[in-house]
Amino acid sequence: MRKHAFVKVDCNCLRRATNFKCKHCGVMEYRSEREIRNLPLSLARCGDAGAPAPSPEEKLRGMFGGGFDCLATGEEGEDSQE
């Protein structure tokens, strides 16, 4: 399983939610940063082969109903915005 790596595309500071885009497959999500850091398994899956795999601990937690952290790290996200 691979997970999305979302980066901010649009920052509307007056709202809590903003547009995030997966830097691997291009899927768009309109959610808060908190929601992106805790996505359920069904929304966290990314079909792109270059997407990162979750750590074993995160994968186990996700299989038991926990969330997956799908926010790209700072240095990854800055360079890849289109």
PDB file of N, CA and C in Angstrom:
ATOM      1  N   MET A   1       0.831  -1.183   0.000  1.00  0.00           N
ATOM      2  CA  MET A   1       0.000   0.000   0.000  1.00  0.00           C
ATOM      3  C   MET A   1       0.877   1.249   0.000  1.00  0.00           C
ATOM      4  N   ARG A   2       0.464   2.221  -0.754  1.00  0.00           N
ATOM      5  CA  ARG A   2       1.128   3.525  -0.794  1.00  0.00           C
ATOM      6  C   ARG A   2       0.131   4.579  -0.351  1.00  0.00           C
ATOM      7  N   LYS A   3       0.630   5.670   0.238  1.00  0.00           N
ATOM      8  CA  LYS A   3      -0.263   6.724   0.715  1.00  0.00           C
ATOM      9  C   LYS A   3       0.011   8.027  -0.017  1.00  0.00           C
ATOM     10  N   HIS A   4      -1.005   8.885  -0.071  1.00  0.00           N
ATOM     11  CA  HIS A   4      -0.871  10.200  -0.694  1.00  0.00           C
ATOM     12  C   HIS A   4       0.141  11.050   0.065  1.00  0.00           C
ATOM     13  N   ALA A   5       0.717  12.020  -0.621  1.00  0.00           N
ATOM     14  CA  ALA A   5       1.583  13.026   0.000  1.00  0.00           C
ATOM     15  C   ALA A   5       1.036  14.383  -0.447  1.00  0.00           C
ATOM     16  N   PHE A   6       0.176  14.968   0.385  1.00  0.00           N
ATOM     17  CA  PHE A   6      -0.511  16.200   0.019  1.00  0.00           C
ATOM     18  C   PHE A   6       0.314  17.439   0.335  1.00  0.00           C
ATOM     19  N   VAL A   7       0.243  18.405  -0.575  1.00  0.00           N
ATOM     20  CA  VAL A   7       0.851  19.724  -0.384  1.00  0.00           C
ATOM     21  C   VAL A   7      -0.249  20.762  -0.563  1.00  0.00           C
ATOM     22  N   LYS A   8      -0.113  21.905   0.109  1.00  0.00           N
ATOM     23  CA  LYS A   8      -1.105  22.973  -0.017  1.00  0.00           C
ATOM     24  C   LYS A   8      -1.042  23.585  -1.403  1.00  0.00           C
ATOM     25  N   VAL A   9      -2.205  23.796  -1.975  1.00  0.00           N
ATOM     26  CA  VAL A   9      -2.285  24.452  -3.275  1.00  0.00           C
ATOM     27  C   VAL A   9      -2.851  25.854  -3.103  1.00  0.00           C
ATOM     28  N   ASP A  10      -3.870  25.975  -2.280  1.00  0.00           N
ATOM     29  CA  ASP A  10      -4.544  27.250  -2.070  1.00  0.00           C
ATOM     30  C   ASP A  10      -4.653  27.486  -0.573  1.00  0.00           C
ATOM     31  N   CYS A  11      -4.184  28.616  -0.112  1.00  0.00           N
ATOM     32  CA  CYS A  11      -4.269  28.916   1.316  1.00  0.00           C
ATOM     33  C   CYS A  11      -5.227  30.080   1.519  1.00  0.00           C
ATOM     34  N   ASN A  12      -6.415  29.774   1.998  1.00  0.00           N
ATOM     35  CA  ASN A  12      -7.381  30.802   2.347  1.00  0.00           C
ATOM     36  C   ASN A  12      -7.377  30.899   3.864  1.00  0.00           C
ATOM     37  N   CYS A  13      -6.667  31.858   4.388  1.00  0.00           N
ATOM     38  CA  CYS A  13      -6.452  31.953   5.836  1.00  0.00           C
ATOM     39  C   CYS A  13      -7.722  32.266   6.618  1.00  0.00           C
ATOM     40  N   LEU A  14      -8.777  32.720   5.960  1.00  0.00           N
ATOM     41  CA  LEU A  14     -10.022  33.006   6.658  1.00  0.00           C
ATOM     42  C   LEU A  14     -10.809  31.739   6.945  1.00  0.00           C
ATOM     43  N   ARG A  15     -10.468  30.652   6.299  1.00  0.00           N
ATOM     44  CA  ARG A  15     -11.152  29.382   6.504  1.00  0.00           C
ATOM     45  C   ARG A  15     -10.183  28.363   7.082  1.00  0.00           C
ATOM     46  N   ARG A  16     -10.725  27.378   7.754  1.00  0.00           N
ATOM     47  CA  ARG A  16      -9.873  26.326   8.314  1.00  0.00           C
ATOM     48  C   ARG A  16      -9.481  25.316   7.257  1.00  0.00           C
ATOM     49  N   ALA A  17     -10.339  25.103   6.266  1.00  0.00           N
ATOM     50  CA  ALA A  17     -10.044  24.137   5.213  1.00  0.00           C
ATOM     51  C   ALA A  17      -9.331  24.830   4.057  1.00  0.00           C
ATOM     52  N   THR A  18      -8.577  24.076   3.313  1.00  0.00           N
ATOM     53  CA  THR A  18      -7.870  24.599   2.151  1.00  0.00           C
ATOM     54  C   THR A  18      -7.716  23.475   1.137  1.00  0.00           C
ATOM     55  N   ASN A  19      -7.267  23.803  -0.048  1.00  0.00           N
ATOM     56  CA  ASN A  19      -7.080  22.795  -1.088  1.00  0.00           C
ATOM     57  C   ASN A  19      -5.704  22.153  -0.953  1.00  0.00           C
ATOM     58  N   PHE A  20      -5.682  20.841  -0.955  1.00  0.00           N
ATOM     59  CA  PHE A  20      -4.451  20.069  -0.935  1.00  0.00           C
ATOM     60  C   PHE A  20      -4.415  19.204  -2.184  1.00  0.00           C
ATOM     61  N   LYS A  21      -3.218  19.007  -2.732  1.00  0.00           N
ATOM     62  CA  LYS A  21      -3.048  18.190  -3.933  1.00  0.00           C
ATOM     63  C   LYS A  21      -1.961  17.159  -3.679  1.00  0.00           C
ATOM     64  N   CYS A  22      -2.239  15.904  -4.048  1.00  0.00           N
ATOM     65  CA  CYS A  22      -1.220  14.864  -3.917  1.00  0.00           C
ATOM     66  C   CYS A  22      -0.146  15.122  -4.959  1.00  0.00           C
ATOM     67  N   LYS A  23       1.084  15.195  -4.517  1.00  0.00           N
ATOM     68  CA  LYS A  23       2.168  15.514  -5.448  1.00  0.00           C
ATOM     69  C   LYS A  23       2.532  14.351  -6.362  1.00  0.00           C
ATOM     70  N   HIS A  24       1.961  13.170  -6.110  1.00  0.00           N
ATOM     71  CA  HIS A  24       2.262  12.007  -6.951  1.00  0.00           C
ATOM     72  C   HIS A  24       1.181  11.737  -7.988  1.00  0.00           C
ATOM     73  N   CYS A  25      -0.080  11.717  -7.568  1.00  0.00           N
ATOM     74  CA  CYS A  25      -1.151  11.355  -8.509  1.00  0.00           C
ATOM     75  C   CYS A  25      -2.044  12.532  -8.884  1.00  0.00           C
ATOM     76  N   GLY A  26      -1.953  13.657  -8.181  1.00  0.00           N
ATOM     77  CA  GLY A  26      -2.730  14.841  -8.525  1.00  0.00           C
ATOM     78  C   GLY A  26      -4.128  14.901  -7.937  1.00  0.00           C
ATOM     79  N   VAL A  27      -4.497  13.987  -7.065  1.00  0.00           N
ATOM     80  CA  VAL A  27      -5.813  14.012  -6.429  1.00  0.00           C
ATOM     81  C   VAL A  27      -5.939  15.266  -5.578  1.00  0.00           C
ATOM     82  N   MET A  28      -7.092  15.929  -5.671  1.00  0.00           N
ATOM     83  CA  MET A  28      -7.340  17.143  -4.892  1.00  0.00           C
ATOM     84  C   MET A  28      -8.262  16.824  -3.724  1.00  0.00           C
ATOM     85  N   GLU A  29      -7.984  17.427  -2.572  1.00  0.00           N
ATOM     86  CA  GLU A  29      -8.830  17.297  -1.377  1.00  0.00           C
ATOM     87  C   GLU A  29      -9.034  18.686  -0.798  1.00  0.00           C
ATOM     88  N   TYR A  30     -10.261  18.972  -0.379  1.00  0.00           N
ATOM     89  CA  TYR A  30     -10.559  20.231   0.308  1.00  0.00           C
ATOM     90  C   TYR A  30     -10.824  19.873   1.757  1.00  0.00           C
ATOM     91  N   ARG A  31      -9.798  19.979   2.585  1.00  0.00           N
ATOM     92  CA  ARG A  31      -9.873  19.583   3.987  1.00  0.00           C
ATOM     93  C   ARG A  31      -8.968  20.500   4.812  1.00  0.00           C
ATOM     94  N   SER A  32      -9.074  20.350   6.126  1.00  0.00           N
ATOM     95  CA  SER A  32      -8.163  21.072   7.008  1.00  0.00           C
ATOM     96  C   SER A  32      -6.865  20.271   7.122  1.00  0.00           C
ATOM     97  N   GLU A  33      -5.815  20.922   7.575  1.00  0.00           N
ATOM     98  CA  GLU A  33      -4.533  20.236   7.753  1.00  0.00           C
ATOM     99  C   GLU A  33      -4.668  19.109   8.775  1.00  0.00           C
ATOM    100  N   ARG A  34      -5.475  19.335   9.772  1.00  0.00           N
ATOM    101  CA  ARG A  34      -5.708  18.302  10.790  1.00  0.00           C
ATOM    102  C   ARG A  34      -6.347  17.050  10.182  1.00  0.00           C
ATOM    103  N   GLU A  35      -7.301  17.243   9.275  1.00  0.00           N
ATOM    104  CA  GLU A  35      -7.942  16.103   8.613  1.00  0.00           C
ATOM    105  C   GLU A  35      -6.975  15.361   7.700  1.00  0.00           C
ATOM    106  N   ILE A  36      -6.096  16.103   7.012  1.00  0.00           N
ATOM    107  CA  ILE A  36      -5.106  15.482   6.116  1.00  0.00           C
ATOM    108  C   ILE A  36      -4.137  14.625   6.926  1.00  0.00           C
ATOM    109  N   ARG A  37      -3.843  15.025   8.139  1.00  0.00           N
ATOM    110  CA  ARG A  37      -2.932  14.264   9.001  1.00  0.00           C
ATOM    111  C   ARG A  37      -3.581  13.036   9.629  1.00  0.00           C
ATOM    112  N   ASN A  38      -4.884  12.844   9.397  1.00  0.00           N
ATOM    113  CA  ASN A  38      -5.586  11.725  10.012  1.00  0.00           C
ATOM    114  C   ASN A  38      -6.612  11.123   9.040  1.00  0.00           C
ATOM    115  N   LEU A  39      -6.183  10.823   7.814  1.00  0.00           N
ATOM    116  CA  LEU A  39      -7.094  10.270   6.808  1.00  0.00           C
ATOM    117  C   LEU A  39      -7.336   8.780   7.038  1.00  0.00           C
ATOM    118  N   PRO A  40      -8.571   8.330   6.815  1.00  0.00           N
ATOM    119  CA  PRO A  40      -8.838   6.897   6.917  1.00  0.00           C
ATOM    120  C   PRO A  40      -8.200   6.145   5.751  1.00  0.00           C
ATOM    121  N   LEU A  41      -8.093   4.851   5.884  1.00  0.00           N
ATOM    122  CA  LEU A  41      -7.440   4.010   4.888  1.00  0.00           C
ATOM    123  C   LEU A  41      -8.014   4.207   3.490  1.00  0.00           C
ATOM    124  N   SER A  42      -9.334   4.296   3.381  1.00  0.00           N
ATOM    125  CA  SER A  42      -9.972   4.416   2.063  1.00  0.00           C
ATOM    126  C   SER A  42      -9.574   5.697   1.330  1.00  0.00           C
ATOM    127  N   LEU A  43      -9.316   6.778   2.056  1.00  0.00           N
ATOM    128  CA  LEU A  43      -8.926   8.046   1.427  1.00  0.00           C
ATOM    129  C   LEU A  43      -7.415   8.213   1.338  1.00  0.00           C
ATOM    130  N   ALA A  44      -6.662   7.453   2.088  1.00  0.00           N
ATOM    131  CA  ALA A  44      -5.208   7.617   2.129  1.00  0.00           C
ATOM    132  C   ALA A  44      -4.492   6.876   1.003  1.00  0.00           C
ATOM    133  N   ARG A  45      -5.123   5.899   0.384  1.00  0.00           N
ATOM    134  CA  ARG A  45      -4.463   5.095  -0.659  1.00  0.00           C
ATOM    135  C   ARG A  45      -4.151   5.912  -1.901  1.00  0.00           C
ATOM    136  N   CYS A  46      -2.934   5.746  -2.395  1.00  0.00           N
ATOM    137  CA  CYS A  46      -2.490   6.408  -3.624  1.00  0.00           C
ATOM    138  C   CYS A  46      -2.055   5.322  -4.601  1.00  0.00           C
ATOM    139  N   GLY A  47      -2.510   5.409  -5.829  1.00  0.00           N
ATOM    140  CA  GLY A  47      -2.195   4.397  -6.822  1.00  0.00           C
ATOM    141  C   GLY A  47      -0.857   4.596  -7.517  1.00  0.00           C
ATOM    142  N   ASP A  48      -0.207   5.720  -7.298  1.00  0.00           N
ATOM    143  CA  ASP A  48       1.061   6.008  -7.963  1.00  0.00           C
ATOM    144  C   ASP A  48       2.196   5.199  -7.348  1.00  0.00           C
ATOM    145  N   ALA A  49       3.054   4.649  -8.203  1.00  0.00           N
ATOM    146  CA  ALA A  49       4.170   3.821  -7.723  1.00  0.00           C
ATOM    147  C   ALA A  49       5.234   4.639  -6.984  1.00  0.00           C
ATOM    148  N   GLY A  50       5.289   5.934  -7.211  1.00  0.00           N
ATOM    149  CA  GLY A  50       6.282   6.777  -6.554  1.00  0.00           C
ATOM    150  C   GLY A  50       5.849   7.317  -5.210  1.00  0.00           C
ATOM    151  N   ALA A  51       4.626   7.031  -4.818  1.00  0.00           N
ATOM    152  CA  ALA A  51       4.117   7.525  -3.538  1.00  0.00           C
ATOM    153  C   ALA A  51       4.804   6.804  -2.382  1.00  0.00           C
ATOM    154  N   PRO A  52       4.928   7.489  -1.240  1.00  0.00           N
ATOM    155  CA  PRO A  52       5.605   6.855  -0.102  1.00  0.00           C
ATOM    156  C   PRO A  52       4.754   5.762   0.545  1.00  0.00           C
ATOM    157  N   ALA A  53       5.424   4.777   1.086  1.00  0.00           N
ATOM    158  CA  ALA A  53       4.743   3.717   1.835  1.00  0.00           C
ATOM    159  C   ALA A  53       4.672   4.136   3.300  1.00  0.00           C
ATOM    160  N   PRO A  54       3.594   3.815   3.978  1.00  0.00           N
ATOM    161  CA  PRO A  54       3.517   4.159   5.405  1.00  0.00           C
ATOM    162  C   PRO A  54       4.475   3.298   6.223  1.00  0.00           C
ATOM    163  N   SER A  55       4.876   3.821   7.358  1.00  0.00           N
ATOM    164  CA  SER A  55       5.735   3.042   8.246  1.00  0.00           C
ATOM    165  C   SER A  55       4.932   1.848   8.768  1.00  0.00           C
ATOM    166  N   PRO A  56       5.609   0.785   9.211  1.00  0.00           N
ATOM    167  CA  PRO A  56       4.873  -0.376   9.744  1.00  0.00           C
ATOM    168  C   PRO A  56       3.949  -0.022  10.905  1.00  0.00           C
ATOM    169  N   GLU A  57       4.382   0.895  11.770  1.00  0.00           N
ATOM    170  CA  GLU A  57       3.547   1.307  12.900  1.00  0.00           C
ATOM    171  C   GLU A  57       2.297   2.039  12.420  1.00  0.00           C
ATOM    172  N   GLU A  58       2.482   2.932  11.442  1.00  0.00           N
ATOM    173  CA  GLU A  58       1.356   3.692  10.915  1.00  0.00           C
ATOM    174  C   GLU A  58       0.385   2.776  10.176  1.00  0.00           C
ATOM    175  N   LYS A  59       0.915   1.808   9.456  1.00  0.00           N
ATOM    176  CA  LYS A  59       0.064   0.872   8.725  1.00  0.00           C
ATOM    177  C   LYS A  59      -0.770   0.027   9.689  1.00  0.00           C
ATOM    178  N   LEU A  60      -0.162  -0.451  10.757  1.00  0.00           N
ATOM    179  CA  LEU A  60      -0.875  -1.239  11.750  1.00  0.00           C
ATOM    180  C   LEU A  60      -1.963  -0.403  12.426  1.00  0.00           C
ATOM    181  N   ARG A  61      -1.624   0.823  12.794  1.00  0.00           N
ATOM    182  CA  ARG A  61      -2.594   1.717  13.425  1.00  0.00           C
ATOM    183  C   ARG A  61      -3.759   2.002  12.471  1.00  0.00           C
ATOM    184  N   GLY A  62      -3.452   2.193  11.189  1.00  0.00           N
ATOM    185  CA  GLY A  62      -4.487   2.458  10.194  1.00  0.00           C
ATOM    186  C   GLY A  62      -5.408   1.276   9.967  1.00  0.00           C
ATOM    187  N   MET A  63      -4.876   0.070  10.023  1.00  0.00           N
ATOM    188  CA  MET A  63      -5.694  -1.126   9.831  1.00  0.00           C
ATOM    189  C   MET A  63      -6.684  -1.326  10.981  1.00  0.00           C
ATOM    190  N   PHE A  64      -6.365  -0.773  12.144  1.00  0.00           N
ATOM    191  CA  PHE A  64      -7.250  -0.895  13.300  1.00  0.00           C
ATOM    192  C   PHE A  64      -8.103   0.347  13.509  1.00  0.00           C
ATOM    193  N   GLY A  65      -8.287   1.129  12.461  1.00  0.00           N
ATOM    194  CA  GLY A  65      -9.188   2.274  12.531  1.00  0.00           C
ATOM    195  C   GLY A  65      -8.530   3.607  12.767  1.00  0.00           C
ATOM    196  N   GLY A  66      -7.228   3.641  12.927  1.00  0.00           N
ATOM    197  CA  GLY A  66      -6.521   4.912  13.091  1.00  0.00           C
ATOM    198  C   GLY A  66      -6.349   5.600  11.750  1.00  0.00           C
ATOM    199  N   GLY A  67      -5.778   6.779  11.760  1.00  0.00           N
ATOM    200  CA  GLY A  67      -5.600   7.532  10.531  1.00  0.00           C
ATOM    201  C   GLY A  67      -4.175   7.513  10.024  1.00  0.00           C
ATOM    202  N   PHE A  68      -4.024   7.889   8.760  1.00  0.00           N
ATOM    203  CA  PHE A  68      -2.717   7.982   8.113  1.00  0.00           C
ATOM    204  C   PHE A  68      -2.350   9.446   7.943  1.00  0.00           C
ATOM    205  N   ASP A  69      -1.120   9.788   8.259  1.00  0.00           N
ATOM    206  CA  ASP A  69      -0.618  11.152   8.085  1.00  0.00           C
ATOM    207  C   ASP A  69      -0.195  11.302   6.631  1.00  0.00           C
ATOM    208  N   CYS A  70      -0.999  12.026   5.853  1.00  0.00           N
ATOM    209  CA  CYS A  70      -0.742  12.169   4.422  1.00  0.00           C
ATOM    210  C   CYS A  70      -0.257  13.565   4.045  1.00  0.00           C
ATOM    211  N   LEU A  71       0.243  14.322   5.000  1.00  0.00           N
ATOM    212  CA  LEU A  71       0.773  15.645   4.710  1.00  0.00           C
ATOM    213  C   LEU A  71       2.242  15.505   4.332  1.00  0.00           C
ATOM    214  N   ALA A  72       2.614  16.051   3.182  1.00  0.00           N
ATOM    215  CA  ALA A  72       4.005  15.974   2.741  1.00  0.00           C
ATOM    216  C   ALA A  72       4.869  16.823   3.662  1.00  0.00           C
ATOM    217  N   THR A  73       6.103  16.400   3.878  1.00  0.00           N
ATOM    218  CA  THR A  73       7.011  17.178   4.714  1.00  0.00           C
ATOM    219  C   THR A  73       7.375  18.476   4.008  1.00  0.00           C
ATOM    220  N   GLY A  74       7.857  19.450   4.756  1.00  0.00           N
ATOM    221  CA  GLY A  74       8.127  20.781   4.232  1.00  0.00           C
ATOM    222  C   GLY A  74       9.027  20.820   3.021  1.00  0.00           C
ATOM    223  N   GLU A  75      10.160  20.131   3.075  1.00  0.00           N
ATOM    224  CA  GLU A  75      11.095  20.202   1.952  1.00  0.00           C
ATOM    225  C   GLU A  75      10.569  19.484   0.724  1.00  0.00           C
ATOM    226  N   GLU A  76       9.735  18.439   0.901  1.00  0.00           N
ATOM    227  CA  GLU A  76       9.145  17.752  -0.255  1.00  0.00           C
ATOM    228  C   GLU A  76       8.103  18.636  -0.931  1.00  0.00           C
ATOM    229  N   GLY A  77       7.267  19.281  -0.136  1.00  0.00           N
ATOM    230  CA  GLY A  77       6.133  20.015  -0.667  1.00  0.00           C
ATOM    231  C   GLY A  77       6.509  21.302  -1.378  1.00  0.00           C
ATOM    232  N   GLU A  78       7.551  21.976  -0.919  1.00  0.00           N
ATOM    233  CA  GLU A  78       7.897  23.282  -1.469  1.00  0.00           C
ATOM    234  C   GLU A  78       8.274  23.218  -2.951  1.00  0.00           C
ATOM    235  N   ASP A  79       9.065  22.221  -3.314  1.00  0.00           N
ATOM    236  CA  ASP A  79       9.590  22.149  -4.670  1.00  0.00           C
ATOM    237  C   ASP A  79       8.595  21.615  -5.683  1.00  0.00           C
ATOM    238  N   SER A  80       7.609  20.846  -5.246  1.00  0.00           N
ATOM    239  CA  SER A  80       6.794  20.100  -6.187  1.00  0.00           C
ATOM    240  C   SER A  80       5.467  20.757  -6.547  1.00  0.00           C
ATOM    241  N   GLN A  81       5.197  21.954  -6.029  1.00  0.00           N
ATOM    242  CA  GLN A  81       3.926  22.591  -6.383  1.00  0.00           C
ATOM    243  C   GLN A  81       3.973  23.064  -7.819  1.00  0.00           C
ATOM    244  N   GLU A  82       2.851  22.870  -8.506  1.00  0.00           N
ATOM    245  CA  GLU A  82       2.808  23.246  -9.927  1.00  0.00           C
ATOM    246  C   GLU A  82       2.030  24.512 -10.114  1.00  0.00           C
TER     247      GLU A  82
END
